[in-house]
Amino acid sequence: MTKDAAVDLDTKTGFRFHVRPAEDTDDAALTEFFEHVTKDDLRFRFLTAVQHVSPKQIEAMTHVDHERTEDYLVFEVGGDRIIGNAMLAADKKLEVAEVAFTVHEDFKGKGIETELLQYVRDRAKAKGIKKLQSIESRENHCTIDLEKRLGFKAKRIDGEPMLVLLEANLDQAA
């Protein structure tokens, strides 16, 4: 399967941004991006206390198969600095996928998170994925609230009192 096409998206605040799939050559730019993500957002994204995203983690985001896994990079239109990142990782049958996303600390509050999650949800549905999941720290109230507004339902994760599973059924009308 070929990777997704690049697109420009507009937020409700009027901010326009560019989204494209990550490429093998994006390692340095993605590493730089994660240096501008708050420590809390790093913890929420990776569900562990990390100070820096490792080269191995970066490579896992940029060297993907573009079928079961896609990593999306967000840029200001006309710019080359990454301001957001989202990952979509599906099971072998392309039925269930996980989504995770992060936005540069200087670009929060512009509506990027909402539009990016909607875009990734739409791409998952276009791939035939039936269920989209997100595992969140219970402390990540903003993302949990956003996902609920976009139709995700929260569920407990047995044995993980600090985490919550949010799921959206994509084979039903939104």
N, C-alpha and C. Protein backbone atom coordinates (compact mmCIF):
# COMPACT_ATOMS: atom_id res chain seq x y z
N MET A 1 0.84 -1.17 0.00
CA MET A 1 0.00 0.00 0.00
C MET A 1 0.89 1.24 0.00
N THR A 2 0.45 2.27 -0.64
CA THR A 2 1.22 3.50 -0.67
C THR A 2 0.85 4.37 0.52
N LYS A 3 1.74 5.26 0.87
CA LYS A 3 1.47 6.13 2.01
C LYS A 3 0.44 7.19 1.63
N ASP A 4 -0.16 7.77 2.64
CA ASP A 4 -1.19 8.78 2.44
C ASP A 4 -0.60 10.03 1.80
N ALA A 5 -1.47 10.76 1.11
CA ALA A 5 -1.06 12.02 0.48
C ALA A 5 -0.96 13.11 1.53
N ALA A 6 -0.21 14.14 1.23
CA ALA A 6 -0.10 15.30 2.10
C ALA A 6 -1.36 16.16 1.93
N VAL A 7 -1.78 16.81 3.01
CA VAL A 7 -2.96 17.67 2.98
C VAL A 7 -2.73 18.90 3.84
N ASP A 8 -3.49 19.95 3.55
CA ASP A 8 -3.55 21.13 4.40
C ASP A 8 -4.89 21.10 5.12
N LEU A 9 -4.88 21.41 6.41
CA LEU A 9 -6.09 21.41 7.23
C LEU A 9 -6.24 22.76 7.92
N ASP A 10 -7.48 23.13 8.19
CA ASP A 10 -7.78 24.38 8.88
C ASP A 10 -8.49 24.07 10.19
N THR A 11 -8.09 24.78 11.24
CA THR A 11 -8.76 24.62 12.52
C THR A 11 -9.90 25.62 12.63
N LYS A 12 -10.73 25.44 13.64
CA LYS A 12 -11.83 26.38 13.87
C LYS A 12 -11.32 27.76 14.29
N THR A 13 -10.07 27.83 14.75
CA THR A 13 -9.48 29.11 15.13
C THR A 13 -8.91 29.84 13.92
N GLY A 14 -8.93 29.18 12.75
CA GLY A 14 -8.40 29.79 11.53
C GLY A 14 -6.94 29.44 11.27
N PHE A 15 -6.35 28.63 12.10
CA PHE A 15 -4.95 28.23 11.89
C PHE A 15 -4.89 27.14 10.82
N ARG A 16 -4.03 27.31 9.85
CA ARG A 16 -3.87 26.33 8.77
C ARG A 16 -2.55 25.60 8.97
N PHE A 17 -2.60 24.27 8.80
CA PHE A 17 -1.38 23.49 8.93
C PHE A 17 -1.34 22.40 7.87
N HIS A 18 -0.15 21.88 7.65
CA HIS A 18 0.14 20.88 6.62
C HIS A 18 0.44 19.55 7.31
N VAL A 19 -0.13 18.47 6.80
CA VAL A 19 0.10 17.14 7.36
C VAL A 19 0.61 16.24 6.24
N ARG A 20 1.66 15.48 6.56
CA ARG A 20 2.15 14.48 5.61
C ARG A 20 2.71 13.29 6.36
N PRO A 21 2.75 12.13 5.71
CA PRO A 21 3.36 10.97 6.35
C PRO A 21 4.85 11.19 6.58
N ALA A 22 5.34 10.62 7.65
CA ALA A 22 6.78 10.67 7.95
C ALA A 22 7.55 9.85 6.94
N GLU A 23 8.79 10.25 6.72
CA GLU A 23 9.68 9.55 5.80
C GLU A 23 10.96 9.18 6.55
N ASP A 24 11.72 8.28 5.96
CA ASP A 24 12.98 7.83 6.58
C ASP A 24 13.93 8.99 6.87
N THR A 25 13.82 10.06 6.10
CA THR A 25 14.74 11.19 6.23
C THR A 25 14.31 12.20 7.30
N ASP A 26 13.23 11.93 8.03
CA ASP A 26 12.70 12.89 9.00
C ASP A 26 13.22 12.70 10.42
N ASP A 27 14.15 11.80 10.63
CA ASP A 27 14.62 11.50 11.99
C ASP A 27 15.09 12.75 12.74
N ALA A 28 15.94 13.54 12.15
CA ALA A 28 16.50 14.71 12.85
C ALA A 28 15.41 15.73 13.17
N ALA A 29 14.53 15.99 12.22
CA ALA A 29 13.45 16.97 12.44
C ALA A 29 12.49 16.49 13.52
N LEU A 30 12.19 15.19 13.55
CA LEU A 30 11.28 14.67 14.57
C LEU A 30 11.94 14.68 15.94
N THR A 31 13.23 14.40 15.99
CA THR A 31 13.97 14.49 17.25
C THR A 31 13.91 15.92 17.78
N GLU A 32 14.13 16.88 16.90
CA GLU A 32 14.06 18.30 17.28
C GLU A 32 12.66 18.66 17.78
N PHE A 33 11.62 18.18 17.10
CA PHE A 33 10.25 18.44 17.52
C PHE A 33 10.02 18.01 18.96
N PHE A 34 10.43 16.80 19.30
CA PHE A 34 10.18 16.28 20.64
C PHE A 34 10.94 17.04 21.73
N GLU A 35 11.94 17.84 21.35
CA GLU A 35 12.62 18.71 22.32
C GLU A 35 11.73 19.90 22.70
N HIS A 36 10.63 20.12 21.95
CA HIS A 36 9.72 21.24 22.19
C HIS A 36 8.33 20.76 22.60
N VAL A 37 8.29 19.59 23.18
CA VAL A 37 7.06 19.03 23.73
C VAL A 37 7.22 19.05 25.24
N THR A 38 6.20 19.48 25.94
CA THR A 38 6.31 19.57 27.40
C THR A 38 6.60 18.19 28.00
N LYS A 39 7.21 18.18 29.18
CA LYS A 39 7.51 16.92 29.86
C LYS A 39 6.23 16.14 30.15
N ASP A 40 5.16 16.85 30.54
CA ASP A 40 3.89 16.16 30.75
C ASP A 40 3.39 15.53 29.46
N ASP A 41 3.47 16.25 28.35
CA ASP A 41 3.00 15.70 27.08
C ASP A 41 3.86 14.52 26.62
N LEU A 42 5.16 14.56 26.89
CA LEU A 42 6.00 13.39 26.61
C LEU A 42 5.53 12.20 27.43
N ARG A 43 5.26 12.44 28.70
CA ARG A 43 4.78 11.37 29.59
C ARG A 43 3.44 10.83 29.10
N PHE A 44 2.55 11.73 28.70
CA PHE A 44 1.25 11.29 28.21
C PHE A 44 1.37 10.52 26.89
N ARG A 45 2.27 10.95 26.02
CA ARG A 45 2.42 10.30 24.71
C ARG A 45 3.02 8.90 24.84
N PHE A 46 4.05 8.78 25.68
CA PHE A 46 4.77 7.51 25.78
C PHE A 46 4.40 6.71 27.03
N LEU A 47 3.51 7.27 27.86
CA LEU A 47 3.01 6.63 29.07
C LEU A 47 4.12 6.19 30.03
N THR A 48 5.17 6.97 30.03
CA THR A 48 6.28 6.77 30.95
C THR A 48 7.03 8.10 31.06
N ALA A 49 7.76 8.27 32.14
CA ALA A 49 8.53 9.49 32.33
C ALA A 49 9.80 9.41 31.47
N VAL A 50 9.82 10.17 30.39
CA VAL A 50 11.00 10.22 29.53
C VAL A 50 11.47 11.67 29.45
N GLN A 51 12.77 11.85 29.41
CA GLN A 51 13.32 13.18 29.25
C GLN A 51 13.54 13.51 27.78
N HIS A 52 13.88 12.47 27.02
CA HIS A 52 14.14 12.63 25.58
C HIS A 52 13.64 11.38 24.87
N VAL A 53 13.18 11.58 23.64
CA VAL A 53 12.74 10.45 22.82
C VAL A 53 14.00 9.84 22.20
N SER A 54 14.17 8.55 22.35
CA SER A 54 15.39 7.88 21.91
C SER A 54 15.44 7.75 20.38
N PRO A 55 16.65 7.62 19.84
CA PRO A 55 16.78 7.38 18.39
C PRO A 55 15.99 6.15 17.92
N LYS A 56 15.93 5.12 18.76
CA LYS A 56 15.17 3.93 18.39
C LYS A 56 13.67 4.24 18.29
N GLN A 57 13.15 5.06 19.22
CA GLN A 57 11.75 5.46 19.17
C GLN A 57 11.47 6.33 17.94
N ILE A 58 12.40 7.23 17.64
CA ILE A 58 12.24 8.09 16.45
C ILE A 58 12.22 7.23 15.19
N GLU A 59 13.14 6.30 15.09
CA GLU A 59 13.19 5.43 13.92
C GLU A 59 11.90 4.63 13.76
N ALA A 60 11.32 4.21 14.87
CA ALA A 60 10.06 3.46 14.82
C ALA A 60 8.92 4.33 14.27
N MET A 61 9.05 5.64 14.39
CA MET A 61 8.03 6.55 13.87
C MET A 61 8.26 6.95 12.41
N THR A 62 9.51 6.95 11.99
CA THR A 62 9.81 7.42 10.63
C THR A 62 10.03 6.30 9.63
N HIS A 63 10.36 5.14 10.09
CA HIS A 63 10.62 3.99 9.19
C HIS A 63 9.45 3.02 9.34
N VAL A 64 8.33 3.37 8.72
CA VAL A 64 7.09 2.60 8.86
C VAL A 64 6.70 1.97 7.53
N ASP A 65 5.76 1.05 7.60
CA ASP A 65 5.35 0.34 6.38
C ASP A 65 4.28 1.08 5.58
N HIS A 66 3.71 2.14 6.11
CA HIS A 66 2.67 2.95 5.46
C HIS A 66 1.41 2.16 5.15
N GLU A 67 1.26 0.98 5.74
CA GLU A 67 0.04 0.21 5.60
C GLU A 67 -0.57 0.00 6.98
N ARG A 68 0.09 -0.83 7.80
CA ARG A 68 -0.41 -1.04 9.16
C ARG A 68 -0.02 0.12 10.08
N THR A 69 1.08 0.74 9.80
CA THR A 69 1.55 1.85 10.63
C THR A 69 1.80 3.07 9.77
N GLU A 70 1.31 4.20 10.26
CA GLU A 70 1.58 5.48 9.61
C GLU A 70 1.87 6.49 10.69
N ASP A 71 2.85 7.31 10.47
CA ASP A 71 3.18 8.38 11.39
C ASP A 71 3.03 9.68 10.62
N TYR A 72 2.26 10.61 11.15
CA TYR A 72 1.96 11.86 10.46
C TYR A 72 2.72 13.01 11.11
N LEU A 73 3.30 13.84 10.27
CA LEU A 73 4.01 15.03 10.74
C LEU A 73 3.19 16.26 10.38
N VAL A 74 3.17 17.21 11.29
CA VAL A 74 2.41 18.45 11.13
C VAL A 74 3.39 19.62 11.03
N PHE A 75 3.14 20.48 10.05
CA PHE A 75 3.98 21.66 9.80
C PHE A 75 3.08 22.88 9.65
N GLU A 76 3.63 24.07 9.95
CA GLU A 76 2.94 25.28 9.52
C GLU A 76 2.97 25.25 8.00
N VAL A 77 1.93 25.74 7.35
CA VAL A 77 1.91 25.77 5.90
C VAL A 77 3.10 26.61 5.42
N GLY A 78 3.88 26.05 4.52
CA GLY A 78 5.06 26.73 3.99
C GLY A 78 6.29 26.61 4.86
N GLY A 79 6.17 25.94 6.01
CA GLY A 79 7.31 25.82 6.92
C GLY A 79 7.91 24.43 6.89
N ASP A 80 9.08 24.29 7.52
CA ASP A 80 9.72 22.98 7.56
C ASP A 80 9.96 22.48 8.99
N ARG A 81 9.47 23.23 9.97
CA ARG A 81 9.59 22.82 11.37
C ARG A 81 8.36 22.01 11.76
N ILE A 82 8.57 20.84 12.34
CA ILE A 82 7.46 20.00 12.78
C ILE A 82 6.82 20.63 14.02
N ILE A 83 5.49 20.76 13.98
CA ILE A 83 4.76 21.35 15.11
C ILE A 83 3.77 20.37 15.73
N GLY A 84 3.67 19.18 15.15
CA GLY A 84 2.78 18.16 15.68
C GLY A 84 3.11 16.81 15.10
N ASN A 85 2.63 15.77 15.75
CA ASN A 85 2.92 14.41 15.32
C ASN A 85 1.78 13.51 15.76
N ALA A 86 1.41 12.59 14.89
CA ALA A 86 0.38 11.60 15.24
C ALA A 86 0.79 10.26 14.67
N MET A 87 0.46 9.21 15.41
CA MET A 87 0.77 7.84 15.00
C MET A 87 -0.52 7.06 14.90
N LEU A 88 -0.61 6.24 13.85
CA LEU A 88 -1.71 5.30 13.67
C LEU A 88 -1.09 3.94 13.47
N ALA A 89 -1.37 3.00 14.37
CA ALA A 89 -0.77 1.66 14.29
C ALA A 89 -1.88 0.62 14.39
N ALA A 90 -2.04 -0.17 13.32
CA ALA A 90 -3.13 -1.15 13.24
C ALA A 90 -2.64 -2.56 13.47
N ASP A 91 -3.58 -3.43 13.81
CA ASP A 91 -3.28 -4.86 13.92
C ASP A 91 -3.09 -5.46 12.52
N LYS A 92 -2.68 -6.72 12.47
CA LYS A 92 -2.38 -7.35 11.18
C LYS A 92 -3.57 -7.42 10.25
N LYS A 93 -4.78 -7.52 10.80
CA LYS A 93 -5.99 -7.62 9.98
C LYS A 93 -6.54 -6.25 9.57
N LEU A 94 -5.90 -5.18 10.02
CA LEU A 94 -6.36 -3.80 9.78
C LEU A 94 -7.79 -3.60 10.28
N GLU A 95 -8.07 -4.15 11.47
CA GLU A 95 -9.40 -4.00 12.06
C GLU A 95 -9.41 -3.04 13.24
N VAL A 96 -8.34 -3.08 14.04
CA VAL A 96 -8.23 -2.25 15.23
C VAL A 96 -6.90 -1.50 15.15
N ALA A 97 -6.94 -0.22 15.47
CA ALA A 97 -5.71 0.58 15.44
C ALA A 97 -5.65 1.48 16.66
N GLU A 98 -4.43 1.81 17.04
CA GLU A 98 -4.19 2.75 18.13
C GLU A 98 -3.75 4.08 17.54
N VAL A 99 -4.19 5.15 18.17
CA VAL A 99 -3.78 6.50 17.78
C VAL A 99 -3.11 7.17 18.98
N ALA A 100 -2.09 7.95 18.70
CA ALA A 100 -1.43 8.79 19.71
C ALA A 100 -0.98 10.06 19.00
N PHE A 101 -1.04 11.18 19.68
CA PHE A 101 -0.64 12.43 19.04
C PHE A 101 -0.08 13.41 20.07
N THR A 102 0.71 14.35 19.56
CA THR A 102 1.37 15.35 20.39
C THR A 102 1.54 16.62 19.57
N VAL A 103 1.44 17.77 20.23
CA VAL A 103 1.62 19.06 19.56
C VAL A 103 2.70 19.86 20.28
N HIS A 104 3.51 20.56 19.50
CA HIS A 104 4.57 21.45 19.99
C HIS A 104 3.99 22.42 21.02
N GLU A 105 4.73 22.65 22.09
CA GLU A 105 4.21 23.47 23.19
C GLU A 105 3.82 24.88 22.74
N ASP A 106 4.46 25.45 21.72
CA ASP A 106 4.13 26.80 21.26
C ASP A 106 2.88 26.85 20.38
N PHE A 107 2.34 25.69 20.01
CA PHE A 107 1.21 25.65 19.09
C PHE A 107 -0.05 25.05 19.73
N LYS A 108 -0.02 24.87 21.02
CA LYS A 108 -1.21 24.35 21.72
C LYS A 108 -2.28 25.45 21.75
N GLY A 109 -3.53 25.02 21.79
CA GLY A 109 -4.63 25.97 21.89
C GLY A 109 -5.08 26.55 20.56
N LYS A 110 -4.53 26.07 19.46
CA LYS A 110 -4.92 26.55 18.14
C LYS A 110 -5.90 25.62 17.44
N GLY A 111 -6.26 24.51 18.09
CA GLY A 111 -7.19 23.57 17.50
C GLY A 111 -6.53 22.48 16.68
N ILE A 112 -5.21 22.43 16.69
CA ILE A 112 -4.48 21.41 15.92
C ILE A 112 -4.85 20.02 16.39
N GLU A 113 -4.92 19.83 17.70
CA GLU A 113 -5.21 18.50 18.25
C GLU A 113 -6.53 17.96 17.70
N THR A 114 -7.57 18.79 17.69
CA THR A 114 -8.88 18.36 17.22
C THR A 114 -8.85 17.96 15.75
N GLU A 115 -8.33 18.84 14.92
CA GLU A 115 -8.30 18.56 13.48
C GLU A 115 -7.40 17.38 13.15
N LEU A 116 -6.27 17.27 13.86
CA LEU A 116 -5.34 16.17 13.61
C LEU A 116 -5.99 14.83 13.99
N LEU A 117 -6.65 14.77 15.14
CA LEU A 117 -7.31 13.54 15.54
C LEU A 117 -8.43 13.18 14.57
N GLN A 118 -9.20 14.16 14.13
CA GLN A 118 -10.25 13.89 13.14
C GLN A 118 -9.65 13.37 11.84
N TYR A 119 -8.54 13.97 11.42
CA TYR A 119 -7.87 13.53 10.20
C TYR A 119 -7.39 12.08 10.33
N VAL A 120 -6.74 11.76 11.43
CA VAL A 120 -6.24 10.39 11.63
C VAL A 120 -7.41 9.41 11.71
N ARG A 121 -8.47 9.80 12.38
CA ARG A 121 -9.66 8.95 12.44
C ARG A 121 -10.21 8.69 11.04
N ASP A 122 -10.28 9.73 10.21
CA ASP A 122 -10.76 9.58 8.83
C ASP A 122 -9.85 8.69 8.01
N ARG A 123 -8.54 8.82 8.21
CA ARG A 123 -7.58 7.97 7.47
C ARG A 123 -7.73 6.52 7.92
N ALA A 124 -7.93 6.30 9.21
CA ALA A 124 -8.12 4.94 9.72
C ALA A 124 -9.37 4.32 9.08
N LYS A 125 -10.44 5.08 9.05
CA LYS A 125 -11.68 4.59 8.45
C LYS A 125 -11.48 4.28 6.98
N ALA A 126 -10.75 5.12 6.26
CA ALA A 126 -10.49 4.90 4.83
C ALA A 126 -9.67 3.63 4.61
N LYS A 127 -8.87 3.24 5.59
CA LYS A 127 -8.08 2.01 5.48
C LYS A 127 -8.91 0.77 5.84
N GLY A 128 -10.16 0.98 6.25
CA GLY A 128 -11.03 -0.13 6.61
C GLY A 128 -10.97 -0.52 8.07
N ILE A 129 -10.26 0.27 8.86
CA ILE A 129 -10.16 -0.01 10.30
C ILE A 129 -11.53 0.21 10.94
N LYS A 130 -11.93 -0.72 11.77
CA LYS A 130 -13.26 -0.68 12.38
C LYS A 130 -13.28 -0.03 13.76
N LYS A 131 -12.17 -0.12 14.47
CA LYS A 131 -12.13 0.42 15.83
C LYS A 131 -10.81 1.16 16.04
N LEU A 132 -10.92 2.39 16.54
CA LEU A 132 -9.75 3.21 16.84
C LEU A 132 -9.64 3.33 18.36
N GLN A 133 -8.46 3.08 18.89
CA GLN A 133 -8.23 3.10 20.32
C GLN A 133 -7.14 4.09 20.70
N SER A 134 -7.25 4.59 21.90
CA SER A 134 -6.23 5.46 22.47
C SER A 134 -6.09 5.09 23.94
N ILE A 135 -4.87 4.89 24.38
CA ILE A 135 -4.61 4.61 25.79
C ILE A 135 -4.06 5.89 26.40
N GLU A 136 -4.74 6.38 27.41
CA GLU A 136 -4.37 7.66 28.01
C GLU A 136 -4.14 7.53 29.51
N SER A 137 -3.24 8.37 30.00
CA SER A 137 -3.10 8.54 31.44
C SER A 137 -4.38 9.21 31.94
N ARG A 138 -4.89 8.78 33.07
CA ARG A 138 -6.09 9.40 33.63
C ARG A 138 -5.86 10.88 33.93
N GLU A 139 -4.60 11.29 34.03
CA GLU A 139 -4.27 12.70 34.30
C GLU A 139 -4.36 13.56 33.04
N ASN A 140 -4.47 12.96 31.87
CA ASN A 140 -4.48 13.69 30.61
C ASN A 140 -5.91 14.12 30.27
N HIS A 141 -6.46 14.97 31.12
CA HIS A 141 -7.86 15.38 31.01
C HIS A 141 -8.19 16.04 29.68
N CYS A 142 -7.32 16.89 29.17
CA CYS A 142 -7.61 17.60 27.91
C CYS A 142 -7.81 16.62 26.75
N THR A 143 -6.91 15.66 26.64
CA THR A 143 -7.01 14.69 25.53
C THR A 143 -8.20 13.76 25.72
N ILE A 144 -8.43 13.32 26.93
CA ILE A 144 -9.58 12.46 27.20
C ILE A 144 -10.87 13.20 26.84
N ASP A 145 -10.99 14.45 27.25
CA ASP A 145 -12.18 15.24 26.92
C ASP A 145 -12.33 15.42 25.41
N LEU A 146 -11.22 15.70 24.72
CA LEU A 146 -11.25 15.84 23.26
C LEU A 146 -11.73 14.55 22.61
N GLU A 147 -11.15 13.44 23.01
CA GLU A 147 -11.52 12.16 22.41
C GLU A 147 -12.99 11.84 22.67
N LYS A 148 -13.48 12.14 23.84
CA LYS A 148 -14.90 11.92 24.13
C LYS A 148 -15.79 12.80 23.25
N ARG A 149 -15.39 14.06 23.05
CA ARG A 149 -16.16 14.95 22.17
C ARG A 149 -16.20 14.42 20.74
N LEU A 150 -15.16 13.68 20.35
CA LEU A 150 -15.10 13.14 18.99
C LEU A 150 -15.65 11.72 18.90
N GLY A 151 -16.37 11.29 19.93
CA GLY A 151 -17.08 10.02 19.86
C GLY A 151 -16.40 8.82 20.47
N PHE A 152 -15.25 9.01 21.11
CA PHE A 152 -14.58 7.91 21.79
C PHE A 152 -15.31 7.62 23.10
N LYS A 153 -15.38 6.37 23.46
CA LYS A 153 -15.98 5.95 24.73
C LYS A 153 -14.87 5.43 25.64
N ALA A 154 -14.92 5.84 26.90
CA ALA A 154 -13.89 5.45 27.87
C ALA A 154 -14.22 4.11 28.52
N LYS A 155 -13.16 3.31 28.72
CA LYS A 155 -13.27 2.01 29.39
C LYS A 155 -12.10 1.85 30.36
N ARG A 156 -12.35 1.11 31.44
CA ARG A 156 -11.27 0.78 32.36
C ARG A 156 -10.32 -0.20 31.69
N ILE A 157 -9.08 -0.16 32.13
CA ILE A 157 -8.10 -1.16 31.72
C ILE A 157 -7.79 -1.97 32.98
N ASP A 158 -8.18 -3.23 32.99
CA ASP A 158 -7.96 -4.07 34.16
C ASP A 158 -6.48 -4.10 34.54
N GLY A 159 -6.20 -3.88 35.80
CA GLY A 159 -4.83 -3.93 36.30
C GLY A 159 -4.04 -2.66 36.04
N GLU A 160 -4.66 -1.63 35.45
CA GLU A 160 -3.97 -0.37 35.14
C GLU A 160 -4.80 0.80 35.67
N PRO A 161 -4.78 1.05 36.97
CA PRO A 161 -5.65 2.09 37.53
C PRO A 161 -5.32 3.51 37.07
N MET A 162 -4.13 3.73 36.56
CA MET A 162 -3.75 5.08 36.12
C MET A 162 -4.00 5.32 34.63
N LEU A 163 -4.49 4.30 33.92
CA LEU A 163 -4.73 4.42 32.47
C LEU A 163 -6.20 4.22 32.16
N VAL A 164 -6.61 4.76 31.02
CA VAL A 164 -7.96 4.58 30.52
C VAL A 164 -7.88 4.27 29.02
N LEU A 165 -8.72 3.38 28.55
CA LEU A 165 -8.80 3.04 27.13
C LEU A 165 -9.98 3.80 26.54
N LEU A 166 -9.73 4.53 25.47
CA LEU A 166 -10.80 5.22 24.76
C LEU A 166 -10.94 4.57 23.40
N GLU A 167 -12.18 4.27 23.00
CA GLU A 167 -12.42 3.59 21.74
C GLU A 167 -13.49 4.30 20.93
N ALA A 168 -13.27 4.32 19.62
CA ALA A 168 -14.27 4.84 18.68
C ALA A 168 -14.55 3.77 17.66
N ASN A 169 -15.82 3.44 17.49
CA ASN A 169 -16.21 2.50 16.45
C ASN A 169 -16.34 3.24 15.13
N LEU A 170 -15.50 2.87 14.16
CA LEU A 170 -15.47 3.59 12.90
C LEU A 170 -16.43 3.03 11.88
N ASP A 171 -16.98 1.85 12.13
CA ASP A 171 -17.91 1.26 11.18
C ASP A 171 -19.34 1.71 11.44
N GLN A 172 -19.51 2.63 12.39
CA GLN A 172 -20.82 3.23 12.66
C GLN A 172 -20.78 4.69 12.25
N ALA A 173 -21.93 5.23 11.94
CA ALA A 173 -22.00 6.64 11.57
C ALA A 173 -21.52 7.50 12.74
N ALA A 174 -20.75 8.52 12.43
CA ALA A 174 -20.21 9.38 13.49
C ALA A 174 -21.26 10.34 14.03
